[in-house]
């Protein structure tokens, strides 16, 4: 969903660097997958086609923060007199 965002903070040799992967258009989402020593953050379309991918060594990751998009509450039907 547009607005999904993942922040990745990594150790870059004495300093911390922050990267963001954001769902940039409506219908896209961001998924995180964990491998042996790699964390992969991917922006996907509705059909599951990857648009952009970021890979990080898990030993270097200090923090991985997922910010889901605000889900709009379901609208309540108005009572008619």
PDB file of N, CA and C in Angstrom:
ATOM      1  N   UNK A   1       0.847  -1.167   0.000  1.00  0.00           N
ATOM      2  CA  UNK A   1       0.000   0.000   0.000  1.00  0.00           C
ATOM      3  C   UNK A   1       0.893   1.230   0.000  1.00  0.00           C
ATOM      4  N   UNK A   2       0.512   2.224  -0.745  1.00  0.00           N
ATOM      5  CA  UNK A   2       1.303   3.440  -0.802  1.00  0.00           C
ATOM      6  C   UNK A   2       1.478   3.998   0.606  1.00  0.00           C
ATOM      7  N   UNK A   3       2.684   4.356   0.930  1.00  0.00           N
ATOM      8  CA  UNK A   3       2.967   4.860   2.266  1.00  0.00           C
ATOM      9  C   UNK A   3       3.696   3.854   3.132  1.00  0.00           C
ATOM     10  N   UNK A   4       3.695   2.568   2.740  1.00  0.00           N
ATOM     11  CA  UNK A   4       4.510   1.585   3.456  1.00  0.00           C
ATOM     12  C   UNK A   4       5.961   2.039   3.358  1.00  0.00           C
ATOM     13  N   UNK A   5       6.693   1.898   4.462  1.00  0.00           N
ATOM     14  CA  UNK A   5       8.068   2.389   4.482  1.00  0.00           C
ATOM     15  C   UNK A   5       8.879   1.521   5.421  1.00  0.00           C
ATOM     16  N   UNK A   6      10.119   1.247   5.036  1.00  0.00           N
ATOM     17  CA  UNK A   6      11.046   0.501   5.881  1.00  0.00           C
ATOM     18  C   UNK A   6      12.328   1.315   5.988  1.00  0.00           C
ATOM     19  N   UNK A   7      12.771   1.550   7.218  1.00  0.00           N
ATOM     20  CA  UNK A   7      14.030   2.232   7.482  1.00  0.00           C
ATOM     21  C   UNK A   7      15.056   1.194   7.908  1.00  0.00           C
ATOM     22  N   UNK A   8      16.267   1.297   7.353  1.00  0.00           N
ATOM     23  CA  UNK A   8      17.338   0.387   7.703  1.00  0.00           C
ATOM     24  C   UNK A   8      18.515   1.235   8.171  1.00  0.00           C
ATOM     25  N   UNK A   9      18.988   0.987   9.382  1.00  0.00           N
ATOM     26  CA  UNK A   9      20.151   1.695   9.921  1.00  0.00           C
ATOM     27  C   UNK A   9      21.295   0.696   9.953  1.00  0.00           C
ATOM     28  N   UNK A  10      22.402   1.040   9.279  1.00  0.00           N
ATOM     29  CA  UNK A  10      23.536   0.118   9.221  1.00  0.00           C
ATOM     30  C   UNK A  10      24.790   0.768   9.789  1.00  0.00           C
ATOM     31  N   UNK A  11      25.713  -0.076  10.224  1.00  0.00           N
ATOM     32  CA  UNK A  11      27.024   0.359  10.691  1.00  0.00           C
ATOM     33  C   UNK A  11      27.917   0.462   9.459  1.00  0.00           C
ATOM     34  N   UNK A  12      28.389   1.673   9.177  1.00  0.00           N
ATOM     35  CA  UNK A  12      29.228   1.891   8.001  1.00  0.00           C
ATOM     36  C   UNK A  12      30.643   2.266   8.429  1.00  0.00           C
ATOM     37  N   UNK A  13      31.260   1.422   9.212  1.00  0.00           N
ATOM     38  CA  UNK A  13      32.635   1.657   9.624  1.00  0.00           C
ATOM     39  C   UNK A  13      32.790   2.806  10.593  1.00  0.00           C
ATOM     40  N   UNK A  14      32.076   2.774  11.678  1.00  0.00           N
ATOM     41  CA  UNK A  14      32.191   3.805  12.698  1.00  0.00           C
ATOM     42  C   UNK A  14      31.079   4.839  12.668  1.00  0.00           C
ATOM     43  N   UNK A  15      30.358   4.937  11.593  1.00  0.00           N
ATOM     44  CA  UNK A  15      29.210   5.844  11.515  1.00  0.00           C
ATOM     45  C   UNK A  15      27.975   5.038  11.147  1.00  0.00           C
ATOM     46  N   UNK A  16      26.832   5.573  11.482  1.00  0.00           N
ATOM     47  CA  UNK A  16      25.575   4.906  11.134  1.00  0.00           C
ATOM     48  C   UNK A  16      24.981   5.590   9.903  1.00  0.00           C
ATOM     49  N   UNK A  17      24.521   4.791   8.964  1.00  0.00           N
ATOM     50  CA  UNK A  17      23.850   5.325   7.777  1.00  0.00           C
ATOM     51  C   UNK A  17      22.430   4.788   7.758  1.00  0.00           C
ATOM     52  N   UNK A  18      21.508   5.626   7.301  1.00  0.00           N
ATOM     53  CA  UNK A  18      20.098   5.259   7.253  1.00  0.00           C
ATOM     54  C   UNK A  18      19.643   5.202   5.803  1.00  0.00           C
ATOM     55  N   UNK A  19      18.949   4.123   5.467  1.00  0.00           N
ATOM     56  CA  UNK A  19      18.373   3.954   4.140  1.00  0.00           C
ATOM     57  C   UNK A  19      16.875   3.750   4.308  1.00  0.00           C
ATOM     58  N   UNK A  20      16.104   4.176   3.310  1.00  0.00           N
ATOM     59  CA  UNK A  20      14.651   3.982   3.318  1.00  0.00           C
ATOM     60  C   UNK A  20      14.211   3.355   2.015  1.00  0.00           C
ATOM     61  N   UNK A  21      13.286   2.426   2.118  1.00  0.00           N
ATOM     62  CA  UNK A  21      12.608   1.880   0.946  1.00  0.00           C
ATOM     63  C   UNK A  21      11.130   2.187   1.153  1.00  0.00           C
ATOM     64  N   UNK A  22      10.533   2.889   0.185  1.00  0.00           N
ATOM     65  CA  UNK A  22       9.169   3.385   0.330  1.00  0.00           C
ATOM     66  C   UNK A  22       8.329   2.891  -0.838  1.00  0.00           C
ATOM     67  N   UNK A  23       7.083   2.517  -0.558  1.00  0.00           N
ATOM     68  CA  UNK A  23       6.122   2.200  -1.618  1.00  0.00           C
ATOM     69  C   UNK A  23       5.699   3.524  -2.235  1.00  0.00           C
ATOM     70  N   UNK A  24       6.157   3.792  -3.448  1.00  0.00           N
ATOM     71  CA  UNK A  24       6.022   5.119  -4.042  1.00  0.00           C
ATOM     72  C   UNK A  24       4.705   5.366  -4.757  1.00  0.00           C
ATOM     73  N   UNK A  25       4.007   4.335  -5.152  1.00  0.00           N
ATOM     74  CA  UNK A  25       2.749   4.518  -5.885  1.00  0.00           C
ATOM     75  C   UNK A  25       1.640   3.691  -5.259  1.00  0.00           C
ATOM     76  N   UNK A  26       0.427   4.032  -5.603  1.00  0.00           N
ATOM     77  CA  UNK A  26      -0.725   3.302  -5.085  1.00  0.00           C
ATOM     78  C   UNK A  26      -0.659   1.849  -5.555  1.00  0.00           C
ATOM     79  N   UNK A  27      -0.962   0.937  -4.656  1.00  0.00           N
ATOM     80  CA  UNK A  27      -0.976  -0.480  -4.990  1.00  0.00           C
ATOM     81  C   UNK A  27       0.345  -1.184  -4.766  1.00  0.00           C
ATOM     82  N   UNK A  28       1.394  -0.441  -4.481  1.00  0.00           N
ATOM     83  CA  UNK A  28       2.681  -1.075  -4.220  1.00  0.00           C
ATOM     84  C   UNK A  28       2.851  -1.330  -2.730  1.00  0.00           C
ATOM     85  N   UNK A  29       3.710  -2.290  -2.415  1.00  0.00           N
ATOM     86  CA  UNK A  29       3.964  -2.631  -1.019  1.00  0.00           C
ATOM     87  C   UNK A  29       5.449  -2.905  -0.834  1.00  0.00           C
ATOM     88  N   UNK A  30       5.875  -2.918   0.413  1.00  0.00           N
ATOM     89  CA  UNK A  30       7.270  -3.184   0.743  1.00  0.00           C
ATOM     90  C   UNK A  30       7.323  -4.452   1.579  1.00  0.00           C
ATOM     91  N   UNK A  31       8.178  -5.384   1.185  1.00  0.00           N
ATOM     92  CA  UNK A  31       8.333  -6.635   1.913  1.00  0.00           C
ATOM     93  C   UNK A  31       9.786  -6.813   2.339  1.00  0.00           C
ATOM     94  N   UNK A  32       9.974  -7.445   3.491  1.00  0.00           N
ATOM     95  CA  UNK A  32      11.306  -7.718   4.023  1.00  0.00           C
ATOM     96  C   UNK A  32      11.484  -9.223   4.060  1.00  0.00           C
ATOM     97  N   UNK A  33      12.614  -9.705   3.539  1.00  0.00           N
ATOM     98  CA  UNK A  33      12.907 -11.133   3.615  1.00  0.00           C
ATOM     99  C   UNK A  33      14.303 -11.308   4.207  1.00  0.00           C
ATOM    100  N   UNK A  34      14.449 -12.375   4.983  1.00  0.00           N
ATOM    101  CA  UNK A  34      15.684 -12.658   5.685  1.00  0.00           C
ATOM    102  C   UNK A  34      16.284 -13.932   5.115  1.00  0.00           C
ATOM    103  N   UNK A  35      17.547 -13.856   4.727  1.00  0.00           N
ATOM    104  CA  UNK A  35      18.267 -15.029   4.251  1.00  0.00           C
ATOM    105  C   UNK A  35      19.316 -15.425   5.261  1.00  0.00           C
ATOM    106  N   UNK A  36      20.316 -16.142   4.841  1.00  0.00           N
ATOM    107  CA  UNK A  36      21.367 -16.577   5.762  1.00  0.00           C
ATOM    108  C   UNK A  36      22.096 -15.393   6.375  1.00  0.00           C
ATOM    109  N   UNK A  37      22.706 -14.588   5.559  1.00  0.00           N
ATOM    110  CA  UNK A  37      23.438 -13.438   6.088  1.00  0.00           C
ATOM    111  C   UNK A  37      23.040 -12.152   5.383  1.00  0.00           C
ATOM    112  N   UNK A  38      21.887 -12.186   4.705  1.00  0.00           N
ATOM    113  CA  UNK A  38      21.434 -11.041   3.927  1.00  0.00           C
ATOM    114  C   UNK A  38      19.983 -10.720   4.263  1.00  0.00           C
ATOM    115  N   UNK A  39      19.702  -9.433   4.414  1.00  0.00           N
ATOM    116  CA  UNK A  39      18.333  -8.959   4.572  1.00  0.00           C
ATOM    117  C   UNK A  39      17.993  -8.211   3.292  1.00  0.00           C
ATOM    118  N   UNK A  40      16.868  -8.568   2.695  1.00  0.00           N
ATOM    119  CA  UNK A  40      16.462  -7.976   1.429  1.00  0.00           C
ATOM    120  C   UNK A  40      15.144  -7.234   1.620  1.00  0.00           C
ATOM    121  N   UNK A  41      15.112  -5.969   1.222  1.00  0.00           N
ATOM    122  CA  UNK A  41      13.905  -5.142   1.311  1.00  0.00           C
ATOM    123  C   UNK A  41      13.502  -4.819  -0.116  1.00  0.00           C
ATOM    124  N   UNK A  42      12.262  -5.179  -0.487  1.00  0.00           N
ATOM    125  CA  UNK A  42      11.817  -5.062  -1.870  1.00  0.00           C
ATOM    126  C   UNK A  42      10.511  -4.303  -1.962  1.00  0.00           C
ATOM    127  N   UNK A  43      10.429  -3.398  -2.938  1.00  0.00           N
ATOM    128  CA  UNK A  43       9.171  -2.732  -3.271  1.00  0.00           C
ATOM    129  C   UNK A  43       8.535  -3.546  -4.391  1.00  0.00           C
ATOM    130  N   UNK A  44       7.287  -3.968  -4.190  1.00  0.00           N
ATOM    131  CA  UNK A  44       6.601  -4.839  -5.141  1.00  0.00           C
ATOM    132  C   UNK A  44       5.342  -4.174  -5.687  1.00  0.00           C
ATOM    133  N   UNK A  45       4.990  -4.541  -6.922  1.00  0.00           N
ATOM    134  CA  UNK A  45       3.725  -4.091  -7.498  1.00  0.00           C
ATOM    135  C   UNK A  45       2.609  -5.003  -7.010  1.00  0.00           C
ATOM    136  N   UNK A  46       1.399  -4.709  -7.425  1.00  0.00           N
ATOM    137  CA  UNK A  46       0.259  -5.548  -7.017  1.00  0.00           C
ATOM    138  C   UNK A  46       0.422  -6.988  -7.456  1.00  0.00           C
ATOM    139  N   UNK A  47       1.016  -7.177  -8.637  1.00  0.00           N
ATOM    140  CA  UNK A  47       1.168  -8.533  -9.163  1.00  0.00           C
ATOM    141  C   UNK A  47       2.388  -9.260  -8.596  1.00  0.00           C
ATOM    142  N   UNK A  48       3.198  -8.563  -7.789  1.00  0.00           N
ATOM    143  CA  UNK A  48       4.350  -9.195  -7.163  1.00  0.00           C
ATOM    144  C   UNK A  48       5.656  -8.993  -7.905  1.00  0.00           C
ATOM    145  N   UNK A  49       5.652  -8.148  -8.932  1.00  0.00           N
ATOM    146  CA  UNK A  49       6.876  -7.854  -9.668  1.00  0.00           C
ATOM    147  C   UNK A  49       7.741  -6.881  -8.872  1.00  0.00           C
ATOM    148  N   UNK A  50       8.999  -7.223  -8.644  1.00  0.00           N
ATOM    149  CA  UNK A  50       9.863  -6.302  -7.886  1.00  0.00           C
ATOM    150  C   UNK A  50      10.182  -5.049  -8.706  1.00  0.00           C
ATOM    151  N   UNK A  51      10.084  -3.900  -8.045  1.00  0.00           N
ATOM    152  CA  UNK A  51      10.399  -2.625  -8.679  1.00  0.00           C
ATOM    153  C   UNK A  51      11.793  -2.189  -8.274  1.00  0.00           C
ATOM    154  N   UNK A  52      12.083  -2.298  -6.980  1.00  0.00           N
ATOM    155  CA  UNK A  52      13.397  -1.917  -6.465  1.00  0.00           C
ATOM    156  C   UNK A  52      13.722  -2.829  -5.291  1.00  0.00           C
ATOM    157  N   UNK A  53      14.994  -3.159  -5.179  1.00  0.00           N
ATOM    158  CA  UNK A  53      15.442  -4.069  -4.130  1.00  0.00           C
ATOM    159  C   UNK A  53      16.699  -3.512  -3.462  1.00  0.00           C
ATOM    160  N   UNK A  54      16.763  -3.613  -2.154  1.00  0.00           N
ATOM    161  CA  UNK A  54      17.952  -3.222  -1.400  1.00  0.00           C
ATOM    162  C   UNK A  54      18.390  -4.421  -0.577  1.00  0.00           C
ATOM    163  N   UNK A  55      19.683  -4.746  -0.621  1.00  0.00           N
ATOM    164  CA  UNK A  55      20.218  -5.882   0.130  1.00  0.00           C
ATOM    165  C   UNK A  55      21.269  -5.386   1.103  1.00  0.00           C
ATOM    166  N   UNK A  56      21.217  -5.931   2.312  1.00  0.00           N
ATOM    167  CA  UNK A  56      22.136  -5.533   3.367  1.00  0.00           C
ATOM    168  C   UNK A  56      22.670  -6.769   4.070  1.00  0.00           C
ATOM    169  N   UNK A  57      23.933  -6.724   4.483  1.00  0.00           N
ATOM    170  CA  UNK A  57      24.503  -7.805   5.289  1.00  0.00           C
ATOM    171  C   UNK A  57      23.890  -7.722   6.680  1.00  0.00           C
ATOM    172  N   UNK A  58      23.376  -8.816   7.172  1.00  0.00           N
ATOM    173  CA  UNK A  58      22.684  -8.798   8.464  1.00  0.00           C
ATOM    174  C   UNK A  58      23.630  -8.456   9.620  1.00  0.00           C
ATOM    175  N   UNK A  59      24.905  -8.735   9.485  1.00  0.00           N
ATOM    176  CA  UNK A  59      25.861  -8.411  10.546  1.00  0.00           C
ATOM    177  C   UNK A  59      26.049  -6.903  10.698  1.00  0.00           C
ATOM    178  N   UNK A  60      25.743  -6.135   9.658  1.00  0.00           N
ATOM    179  CA  UNK A  60      25.929  -4.686   9.683  1.00  0.00           C
ATOM    180  C   UNK A  60      24.672  -3.923  10.105  1.00  0.00           C
ATOM    181  N   UNK A  61      23.549  -4.584  10.177  1.00  0.00           N
ATOM    182  CA  UNK A  61      22.290  -3.895  10.479  1.00  0.00           C
ATOM    183  C   UNK A  61      22.196  -3.604  11.971  1.00  0.00           C
ATOM    184  N   UNK A  62      21.984  -2.337  12.291  1.00  0.00           N
ATOM    185  CA  UNK A  62      21.774  -1.921  13.676  1.00  0.00           C
ATOM    186  C   UNK A  62      20.287  -1.907  14.013  1.00  0.00           C
ATOM    187  N   UNK A  63      19.454  -1.474  13.063  1.00  0.00           N
ATOM    188  CA  UNK A  63      18.010  -1.411  13.288  1.00  0.00           C
ATOM    189  C   UNK A  63      17.287  -1.549  11.962  1.00  0.00           C
ATOM    190  N   UNK A  64      16.146  -2.200  12.003  1.00  0.00           N
ATOM    191  CA  UNK A  64      15.269  -2.327  10.849  1.00  0.00           C
ATOM    192  C   UNK A  64      13.872  -1.976  11.351  1.00  0.00           C
ATOM    193  N   UNK A  65      13.338  -0.853  10.891  1.00  0.00           N
ATOM    194  CA  UNK A  65      12.074  -0.339  11.405  1.00  0.00           C
ATOM    195  C   UNK A  65      11.055  -0.332  10.275  1.00  0.00           C
ATOM    196  N   UNK A  66       9.944  -1.033  10.485  1.00  0.00           N
ATOM    197  CA  UNK A  66       8.874  -1.066   9.500  1.00  0.00           C
ATOM    198  C   UNK A  66       7.792  -0.081   9.899  1.00  0.00           C
ATOM    199  N   UNK A  67       7.402   0.769   8.955  1.00  0.00           N
ATOM    200  CA  UNK A  67       6.336   1.746   9.161  1.00  0.00           C
ATOM    201  C   UNK A  67       5.204   1.408   8.201  1.00  0.00           C
ATOM    202  N   UNK A  68       4.185   0.691   8.648  1.00  0.00           N
ATOM    203  CA  UNK A  68       3.076   0.381   7.743  1.00  0.00           C
ATOM    204  C   UNK A  68       2.282   1.642   7.427  1.00  0.00           C
ATOM    205  N   UNK A  69       1.663   1.646   6.268  1.00  0.00           N
ATOM    206  CA  UNK A  69       0.830   2.778   5.872  1.00  0.00           C
ATOM    207  C   UNK A  69      -0.387   2.853   6.787  1.00  0.00           C
ATOM    208  N   UNK A  70      -0.857   4.064   7.002  1.00  0.00           N
ATOM    209  CA  UNK A  70      -2.069   4.236   7.807  1.00  0.00           C
ATOM    210  C   UNK A  70      -3.245   3.646   7.046  1.00  0.00           C
ATOM    211  N   UNK A  71      -3.890   2.720   7.672  1.00  0.00           N
ATOM    212  CA  UNK A  71      -5.074   2.112   7.056  1.00  0.00           C
ATOM    213  C   UNK A  71      -6.277   2.960   7.421  1.00  0.00           C
ATOM    214  N   UNK A  72      -7.023   3.388   6.422  1.00  0.00           N
ATOM    215  CA  UNK A  72      -8.201   4.207   6.675  1.00  0.00           C
ATOM    216  C   UNK A  72      -9.280   3.333   7.317  1.00  0.00           C
ATOM    217  N   UNK A  73      -9.920   3.817   8.380  1.00  0.00           N
ATOM    218  CA  UNK A  73     -10.978   3.022   9.001  1.00  0.00           C
ATOM    219  C   UNK A  73     -12.160   2.859   8.042  1.00  0.00           C
ATOM    220  N   UNK A  74     -12.826   1.732   8.165  1.00  0.00           N
ATOM    221  CA  UNK A  74     -13.986   1.478   7.306  1.00  0.00           C
ATOM    222  C   UNK A  74     -15.059   2.520   7.583  1.00  0.00           C
ATOM    223  N   UNK A  75     -15.636   3.017   6.532  1.00  0.00           N
ATOM    224  CA  UNK A  75     -16.658   4.045   6.692  1.00  0.00           C
ATOM    225  C   UNK A  75     -17.959   3.408   7.159  1.00  0.00           C
ATOM    226  N   UNK A  76     -18.557   4.047   8.114  1.00  0.00           N
ATOM    227  CA  UNK A  76     -19.840   3.570   8.635  1.00  0.00           C
ATOM    228  C   UNK A  76     -20.969   4.165   7.794  1.00  0.00           C
ATOM    229  N   UNK A  77     -21.930   3.343   7.417  1.00  0.00           N
ATOM    230  CA  UNK A  77     -23.069   3.893   6.655  1.00  0.00           C
ATOM    231  C   UNK A  77     -23.868   4.828   7.563  1.00  0.00           C
ATOM    232  N   UNK A  78     -24.291   5.929   6.983  1.00  0.00           N
ATOM    233  CA  UNK A  78     -25.057   6.897   7.765  1.00  0.00           C
ATOM    234  C   UNK A  78     -26.498   6.409   7.915  1.00  0.00           C
ATOM    235  N   UNK A  79     -27.039   6.626   9.115  1.00  0.00           N
ATOM    236  CA  UNK A  79     -28.430   6.240   9.379  1.00  0.00           C
ATOM    237  C   UNK A  79     -29.355   7.249   8.714  1.00  0.00           C
ATOM    238  N   UNK A  80     -30.346   6.731   8.021  1.00  0.00           N
ATOM    239  CA  UNK A  80     -31.325   7.612   7.381  1.00  0.00           C
ATOM    240  C   UNK A  80     -32.594   7.653   8.211  1.00  0.00           C
ATOM    241  N   UNK A  81     -33.126   8.850   8.397  1.00  0.00           N
ATOM    242  CA  UNK A  81     -34.356   8.957   9.208  1.00  0.00           C
ATOM    243  C   UNK A  81     -35.585   8.446   8.496  1.00  0.00           C
TER     244      UNK A  81
END
